[in-house]
Amino acid sequence: MNTYIKETTKTRNEAIQAIEISLQQAKFGVLWNFDLSAKLEEKGVQPPAPYTVLEVCKPSIAANVLNESLLAGAFLPCKIVVYEEDEVIKIAMPLPTKLMEGFDNERILTEVKEAEQQLIRCIDQAAD
């Protein structure tokens, strides 16, 4: 599986607030909170479900990755999504280790593995 998904009993807004708090405590910044479903509606398109994208970054990890490969910046920042599917709220992210494994660079993989482990803890904490 190339993604991490956690279900929660929280509302979508509660889940978004909880993940933002959890990320802040782990020293991740939320660079962008993008309500994709609202933007689609604004453009006259009916979204399939309520959907929010959070772009998150821990500067020290991002800098270390960029020091190894500027091209790796194309995969930054990390994304976490909060959405509703079958009346269940889910918090998910593509796994950074899977996104970066093509670089075949052990230092990059070490950095993104650390980020991935921290982000999974944040998602778990927010979902509970």
N, C-alpha and C. Protein backbone atom coordinates (compact mmCIF):
# COMPACT_ATOMS: atom_id res chain seq x y z
N MET A 1 0.84 -1.18 0.00
CA MET A 1 0.00 0.00 0.00
C MET A 1 0.89 1.25 0.00
N ASN A 2 0.56 2.19 -0.83
CA ASN A 2 1.34 3.41 -0.95
C ASN A 2 0.77 4.58 -0.16
N THR A 3 -0.28 4.32 0.60
CA THR A 3 -0.90 5.37 1.41
C THR A 3 -1.14 4.86 2.83
N TYR A 4 -1.28 5.81 3.73
CA TYR A 4 -1.67 5.50 5.10
C TYR A 4 -3.04 6.13 5.31
N ILE A 5 -4.00 5.35 5.78
CA ILE A 5 -5.37 5.83 5.96
C ILE A 5 -5.84 5.45 7.36
N LYS A 6 -6.44 6.41 8.03
CA LYS A 6 -6.98 6.18 9.37
C LYS A 6 -8.39 6.74 9.42
N GLU A 7 -9.33 5.93 9.88
CA GLU A 7 -10.71 6.38 10.05
C GLU A 7 -10.87 7.03 11.42
N THR A 8 -11.83 7.94 11.51
CA THR A 8 -12.11 8.61 12.77
C THR A 8 -13.61 8.80 12.94
N THR A 9 -14.02 8.89 14.18
CA THR A 9 -15.43 9.17 14.47
C THR A 9 -15.69 10.67 14.56
N LYS A 10 -14.64 11.47 14.42
CA LYS A 10 -14.78 12.93 14.46
C LYS A 10 -15.45 13.44 13.19
N THR A 11 -16.01 14.62 13.27
CA THR A 11 -16.51 15.27 12.07
C THR A 11 -15.31 15.69 11.22
N ARG A 12 -15.57 16.05 9.98
CA ARG A 12 -14.47 16.49 9.12
C ARG A 12 -13.77 17.70 9.71
N ASN A 13 -14.52 18.68 10.16
CA ASN A 13 -13.90 19.88 10.74
C ASN A 13 -13.14 19.56 12.02
N GLU A 14 -13.68 18.69 12.86
CA GLU A 14 -12.96 18.28 14.07
C GLU A 14 -11.66 17.57 13.71
N ALA A 15 -11.71 16.72 12.69
CA ALA A 15 -10.52 15.99 12.26
C ALA A 15 -9.46 16.94 11.71
N ILE A 16 -9.89 17.93 10.95
CA ILE A 16 -8.94 18.91 10.40
C ILE A 16 -8.29 19.69 11.54
N GLN A 17 -9.10 20.13 12.49
CA GLN A 17 -8.56 20.87 13.62
C GLN A 17 -7.61 19.99 14.43
N ALA A 18 -7.98 18.74 14.66
CA ALA A 18 -7.14 17.83 15.44
C ALA A 18 -5.81 17.54 14.74
N ILE A 19 -5.83 17.35 13.42
CA ILE A 19 -4.57 17.07 12.73
C ILE A 19 -3.69 18.31 12.70
N GLU A 20 -4.26 19.49 12.58
CA GLU A 20 -3.46 20.71 12.62
C GLU A 20 -2.78 20.87 13.98
N ILE A 21 -3.50 20.59 15.06
CA ILE A 21 -2.91 20.68 16.40
C ILE A 21 -1.80 19.65 16.57
N SER A 22 -2.08 18.42 16.16
CA SER A 22 -1.09 17.34 16.26
C SER A 22 0.17 17.67 15.47
N LEU A 23 0.00 18.20 14.28
CA LEU A 23 1.15 18.58 13.45
C LEU A 23 1.96 19.69 14.10
N GLN A 24 1.27 20.67 14.65
CA GLN A 24 1.96 21.79 15.31
C GLN A 24 2.78 21.28 16.49
N GLN A 25 2.22 20.36 17.26
CA GLN A 25 2.95 19.81 18.41
C GLN A 25 4.20 19.05 17.96
N ALA A 26 4.15 18.47 16.77
CA ALA A 26 5.30 17.72 16.23
C ALA A 26 6.24 18.62 15.42
N LYS A 27 5.99 19.92 15.45
CA LYS A 27 6.84 20.92 14.78
C LYS A 27 6.72 20.90 13.26
N PHE A 28 5.58 20.42 12.75
CA PHE A 28 5.29 20.53 11.33
C PHE A 28 4.46 21.78 11.12
N GLY A 29 4.73 22.48 10.04
CA GLY A 29 3.91 23.63 9.69
C GLY A 29 2.87 23.23 8.65
N VAL A 30 1.67 23.79 8.78
CA VAL A 30 0.66 23.61 7.75
C VAL A 30 0.80 24.80 6.80
N LEU A 31 1.33 24.53 5.63
CA LEU A 31 1.57 25.60 4.66
C LEU A 31 0.30 26.03 3.95
N TRP A 32 -0.62 25.07 3.80
CA TRP A 32 -1.83 25.36 3.06
C TRP A 32 -2.92 24.41 3.51
N ASN A 33 -4.07 24.97 3.82
CA ASN A 33 -5.28 24.21 4.13
C ASN A 33 -6.24 24.51 2.99
N PHE A 34 -6.39 23.57 2.09
CA PHE A 34 -7.13 23.77 0.84
C PHE A 34 -8.40 22.94 0.85
N ASP A 35 -9.54 23.62 0.89
CA ASP A 35 -10.84 22.94 0.83
C ASP A 35 -11.16 22.69 -0.64
N LEU A 36 -10.74 21.53 -1.12
CA LEU A 36 -10.91 21.19 -2.53
C LEU A 36 -12.38 21.13 -2.92
N SER A 37 -13.22 20.58 -2.05
CA SER A 37 -14.64 20.47 -2.38
C SER A 37 -15.26 21.86 -2.55
N ALA A 38 -14.90 22.81 -1.71
CA ALA A 38 -15.43 24.17 -1.83
C ALA A 38 -14.96 24.82 -3.13
N LYS A 39 -13.71 24.60 -3.50
CA LYS A 39 -13.18 25.18 -4.75
C LYS A 39 -13.89 24.60 -5.96
N LEU A 40 -14.14 23.29 -5.94
CA LEU A 40 -14.87 22.68 -7.05
C LEU A 40 -16.27 23.27 -7.17
N GLU A 41 -16.95 23.42 -6.02
CA GLU A 41 -18.30 24.01 -6.04
C GLU A 41 -18.26 25.44 -6.57
N GLU A 42 -17.24 26.19 -6.17
CA GLU A 42 -17.07 27.56 -6.64
C GLU A 42 -16.95 27.61 -8.17
N LYS A 43 -16.36 26.56 -8.75
CA LYS A 43 -16.16 26.49 -10.20
C LYS A 43 -17.33 25.81 -10.92
N GLY A 44 -18.41 25.51 -10.16
CA GLY A 44 -19.59 24.93 -10.77
C GLY A 44 -19.53 23.42 -10.94
N VAL A 45 -18.61 22.77 -10.24
CA VAL A 45 -18.46 21.32 -10.32
C VAL A 45 -18.87 20.72 -8.99
N GLN A 46 -19.72 19.70 -9.03
CA GLN A 46 -20.15 19.05 -7.81
C GLN A 46 -19.08 18.06 -7.35
N PRO A 47 -18.50 18.27 -6.17
CA PRO A 47 -17.49 17.33 -5.70
C PRO A 47 -18.13 16.01 -5.28
N PRO A 48 -17.40 14.91 -5.39
CA PRO A 48 -17.95 13.63 -4.98
C PRO A 48 -18.12 13.51 -3.47
N ALA A 49 -17.34 14.31 -2.72
CA ALA A 49 -17.40 14.24 -1.25
C ALA A 49 -16.68 15.45 -0.68
N PRO A 50 -16.97 15.79 0.58
CA PRO A 50 -16.18 16.82 1.25
C PRO A 50 -14.71 16.39 1.31
N TYR A 51 -13.79 17.29 0.95
CA TYR A 51 -12.39 16.90 0.77
C TYR A 51 -11.48 18.09 1.05
N THR A 52 -10.54 17.92 1.98
CA THR A 52 -9.58 18.96 2.34
C THR A 52 -8.17 18.41 2.19
N VAL A 53 -7.30 19.23 1.59
CA VAL A 53 -5.89 18.88 1.42
C VAL A 53 -5.06 19.81 2.31
N LEU A 54 -4.21 19.21 3.13
CA LEU A 54 -3.27 19.97 3.94
C LEU A 54 -1.86 19.72 3.39
N GLU A 55 -1.15 20.79 3.10
CA GLU A 55 0.25 20.66 2.71
C GLU A 55 1.07 20.99 3.94
N VAL A 56 1.92 20.03 4.34
CA VAL A 56 2.65 20.16 5.61
C VAL A 56 4.14 19.98 5.40
N CYS A 57 4.91 20.62 6.28
CA CYS A 57 6.37 20.59 6.11
C CYS A 57 7.06 20.75 7.46
N LYS A 58 8.13 20.02 7.64
CA LYS A 58 9.06 20.24 8.76
C LYS A 58 10.33 20.78 8.11
N PRO A 59 10.64 22.06 8.31
CA PRO A 59 11.74 22.70 7.59
C PRO A 59 13.07 21.96 7.66
N SER A 60 13.42 21.42 8.82
CA SER A 60 14.72 20.75 8.93
C SER A 60 14.80 19.52 8.02
N ILE A 61 13.72 18.77 7.94
CA ILE A 61 13.70 17.59 7.07
C ILE A 61 13.70 18.01 5.61
N ALA A 62 12.90 19.01 5.27
CA ALA A 62 12.85 19.50 3.89
C ALA A 62 14.22 19.98 3.43
N ALA A 63 14.91 20.72 4.28
CA ALA A 63 16.24 21.23 3.92
C ALA A 63 17.22 20.08 3.69
N ASN A 64 17.17 19.07 4.54
CA ASN A 64 18.08 17.93 4.38
C ASN A 64 17.80 17.18 3.08
N VAL A 65 16.54 17.04 2.74
CA VAL A 65 16.18 16.37 1.47
C VAL A 65 16.68 17.20 0.29
N LEU A 66 16.44 18.50 0.33
CA LEU A 66 16.87 19.37 -0.77
C LEU A 66 18.39 19.41 -0.90
N ASN A 67 19.10 19.31 0.21
CA ASN A 67 20.56 19.27 0.15
C ASN A 67 21.07 18.03 -0.58
N GLU A 68 20.28 16.99 -0.59
CA GLU A 68 20.65 15.76 -1.30
C GLU A 68 20.25 15.81 -2.77
N SER A 69 19.08 16.42 -3.04
CA SER A 69 18.60 16.49 -4.42
C SER A 69 17.57 17.60 -4.56
N LEU A 70 17.88 18.58 -5.38
CA LEU A 70 16.93 19.66 -5.62
C LEU A 70 15.67 19.13 -6.32
N LEU A 71 15.82 18.12 -7.15
CA LEU A 71 14.67 17.55 -7.83
C LEU A 71 13.68 16.94 -6.84
N ALA A 72 14.18 16.46 -5.71
CA ALA A 72 13.29 15.88 -4.69
C ALA A 72 12.28 16.91 -4.19
N GLY A 73 12.59 18.18 -4.35
CA GLY A 73 11.66 19.23 -3.95
C GLY A 73 10.34 19.16 -4.70
N ALA A 74 10.32 18.49 -5.83
CA ALA A 74 9.07 18.33 -6.58
C ALA A 74 8.05 17.49 -5.79
N PHE A 75 8.53 16.74 -4.80
CA PHE A 75 7.66 15.89 -3.99
C PHE A 75 7.34 16.52 -2.63
N LEU A 76 7.80 17.73 -2.43
CA LEU A 76 7.54 18.46 -1.18
C LEU A 76 6.50 19.54 -1.43
N PRO A 77 5.75 19.95 -0.46
CA PRO A 77 5.64 19.42 0.89
C PRO A 77 4.80 18.14 0.91
N CYS A 78 4.78 17.51 2.07
CA CYS A 78 3.94 16.32 2.25
C CYS A 78 2.47 16.73 2.24
N LYS A 79 1.63 15.83 1.82
CA LYS A 79 0.19 16.10 1.78
C LYS A 79 -0.54 15.15 2.73
N ILE A 80 -1.51 15.71 3.43
CA ILE A 80 -2.43 14.94 4.24
C ILE A 80 -3.82 15.36 3.80
N VAL A 81 -4.69 14.39 3.59
CA VAL A 81 -6.06 14.70 3.16
C VAL A 81 -7.05 14.24 4.22
N VAL A 82 -8.13 15.00 4.34
CA VAL A 82 -9.23 14.65 5.22
C VAL A 82 -10.48 14.65 4.34
N TYR A 83 -11.16 13.50 4.31
CA TYR A 83 -12.31 13.39 3.41
C TYR A 83 -13.36 12.46 4.00
N GLU A 84 -14.53 12.53 3.40
CA GLU A 84 -15.62 11.67 3.82
C GLU A 84 -15.89 10.66 2.72
N GLU A 85 -15.96 9.39 3.12
CA GLU A 85 -16.25 8.32 2.17
C GLU A 85 -17.20 7.33 2.84
N ASP A 86 -18.33 7.09 2.21
CA ASP A 86 -19.34 6.18 2.78
C ASP A 86 -19.71 6.59 4.20
N GLU A 87 -19.87 7.90 4.40
CA GLU A 87 -20.27 8.48 5.68
C GLU A 87 -19.24 8.27 6.79
N VAL A 88 -17.99 8.00 6.42
CA VAL A 88 -16.89 7.84 7.38
C VAL A 88 -15.82 8.88 7.05
N ILE A 89 -15.35 9.58 8.09
CA ILE A 89 -14.27 10.55 7.91
C ILE A 89 -12.94 9.80 7.95
N LYS A 90 -12.09 10.12 6.98
CA LYS A 90 -10.78 9.48 6.87
C LYS A 90 -9.69 10.55 6.79
N ILE A 91 -8.56 10.23 7.41
CA ILE A 91 -7.36 11.05 7.32
C ILE A 91 -6.32 10.19 6.63
N ALA A 92 -5.73 10.70 5.57
CA ALA A 92 -4.82 9.86 4.79
C ALA A 92 -3.65 10.68 4.25
N MET A 93 -2.61 9.94 3.85
CA MET A 93 -1.47 10.59 3.18
C MET A 93 -0.77 9.58 2.29
N PRO A 94 -0.19 10.06 1.18
CA PRO A 94 0.71 9.20 0.43
C PRO A 94 1.98 9.01 1.26
N LEU A 95 2.52 7.82 1.27
CA LEU A 95 3.71 7.55 2.09
C LEU A 95 4.95 8.20 1.47
N PRO A 96 5.59 9.11 2.19
CA PRO A 96 6.79 9.77 1.65
C PRO A 96 7.88 8.79 1.21
N THR A 97 8.03 7.67 1.92
CA THR A 97 9.06 6.70 1.52
C THR A 97 8.77 6.12 0.14
N LYS A 98 7.50 5.92 -0.17
CA LYS A 98 7.14 5.38 -1.49
C LYS A 98 7.35 6.43 -2.57
N LEU A 99 7.04 7.70 -2.24
CA LEU A 99 7.23 8.77 -3.23
C LEU A 99 8.70 9.00 -3.56
N MET A 100 9.57 8.81 -2.58
CA MET A 100 10.98 9.15 -2.76
C MET A 100 11.88 7.96 -3.07
N GLU A 101 11.35 6.74 -3.06
CA GLU A 101 12.22 5.58 -3.24
C GLU A 101 12.92 5.56 -4.60
N GLY A 102 12.38 6.23 -5.59
CA GLY A 102 13.00 6.27 -6.90
C GLY A 102 14.30 7.05 -6.95
N PHE A 103 14.58 7.83 -5.92
CA PHE A 103 15.84 8.59 -5.90
C PHE A 103 17.02 7.70 -5.55
N ASP A 104 16.76 6.55 -4.98
CA ASP A 104 17.83 5.61 -4.64
C ASP A 104 18.97 6.30 -3.88
N ASN A 105 18.57 7.10 -2.89
CA ASN A 105 19.53 7.86 -2.09
C ASN A 105 19.20 7.57 -0.63
N GLU A 106 20.12 6.92 0.05
CA GLU A 106 19.86 6.46 1.43
C GLU A 106 19.61 7.63 2.37
N ARG A 107 20.28 8.74 2.18
CA ARG A 107 20.07 9.89 3.07
C ARG A 107 18.67 10.48 2.90
N ILE A 108 18.20 10.55 1.66
CA ILE A 108 16.83 11.02 1.43
C ILE A 108 15.85 10.06 2.08
N LEU A 109 16.04 8.78 1.86
CA LEU A 109 15.12 7.79 2.42
C LEU A 109 15.11 7.82 3.95
N THR A 110 16.26 8.05 4.56
CA THR A 110 16.33 8.16 6.02
C THR A 110 15.51 9.35 6.51
N GLU A 111 15.66 10.48 5.84
CA GLU A 111 14.91 11.69 6.22
C GLU A 111 13.41 11.49 6.05
N VAL A 112 13.00 10.96 4.90
CA VAL A 112 11.56 10.84 4.67
C VAL A 112 10.94 9.73 5.51
N LYS A 113 11.74 8.73 5.88
CA LYS A 113 11.23 7.70 6.78
C LYS A 113 10.92 8.32 8.14
N GLU A 114 11.79 9.18 8.61
CA GLU A 114 11.56 9.88 9.88
C GLU A 114 10.30 10.74 9.77
N ALA A 115 10.16 11.50 8.69
CA ALA A 115 8.97 12.33 8.49
C ALA A 115 7.71 11.46 8.46
N GLU A 116 7.78 10.37 7.73
CA GLU A 116 6.64 9.46 7.60
C GLU A 116 6.21 8.92 8.97
N GLN A 117 7.16 8.48 9.77
CA GLN A 117 6.84 7.95 11.10
C GLN A 117 6.19 9.02 11.97
N GLN A 118 6.71 10.23 11.92
CA GLN A 118 6.14 11.32 12.69
C GLN A 118 4.74 11.67 12.21
N LEU A 119 4.54 11.71 10.90
CA LEU A 119 3.23 12.05 10.34
C LEU A 119 2.19 10.97 10.67
N ILE A 120 2.60 9.71 10.64
CA ILE A 120 1.67 8.64 11.03
C ILE A 120 1.24 8.81 12.48
N ARG A 121 2.19 9.15 13.35
CA ARG A 121 1.83 9.40 14.76
C ARG A 121 0.86 10.56 14.87
N CYS A 122 1.08 11.62 14.09
CA CYS A 122 0.18 12.77 14.10
C CYS A 122 -1.22 12.38 13.65
N ILE A 123 -1.30 11.60 12.58
CA ILE A 123 -2.60 11.16 12.08
C ILE A 123 -3.30 10.28 13.10
N ASP A 124 -2.56 9.36 13.68
CA ASP A 124 -3.16 8.47 14.70
C ASP A 124 -3.68 9.28 15.89
N GLN A 125 -2.89 10.23 16.33
CA GLN A 125 -3.29 11.05 17.46
C GLN A 125 -4.54 11.87 17.10
N ALA A 126 -4.57 12.43 15.92
CA ALA A 126 -5.72 13.25 15.51
C ALA A 126 -6.98 12.43 15.35
N ALA A 127 -6.84 11.20 14.92
CA ALA A 127 -8.01 10.36 14.66
C ALA A 127 -8.64 9.84 15.95
N ASP A 128 -7.85 9.70 17.01
CA ASP A 128 -8.37 9.14 18.27
C ASP A 128 -9.25 10.13 19.02
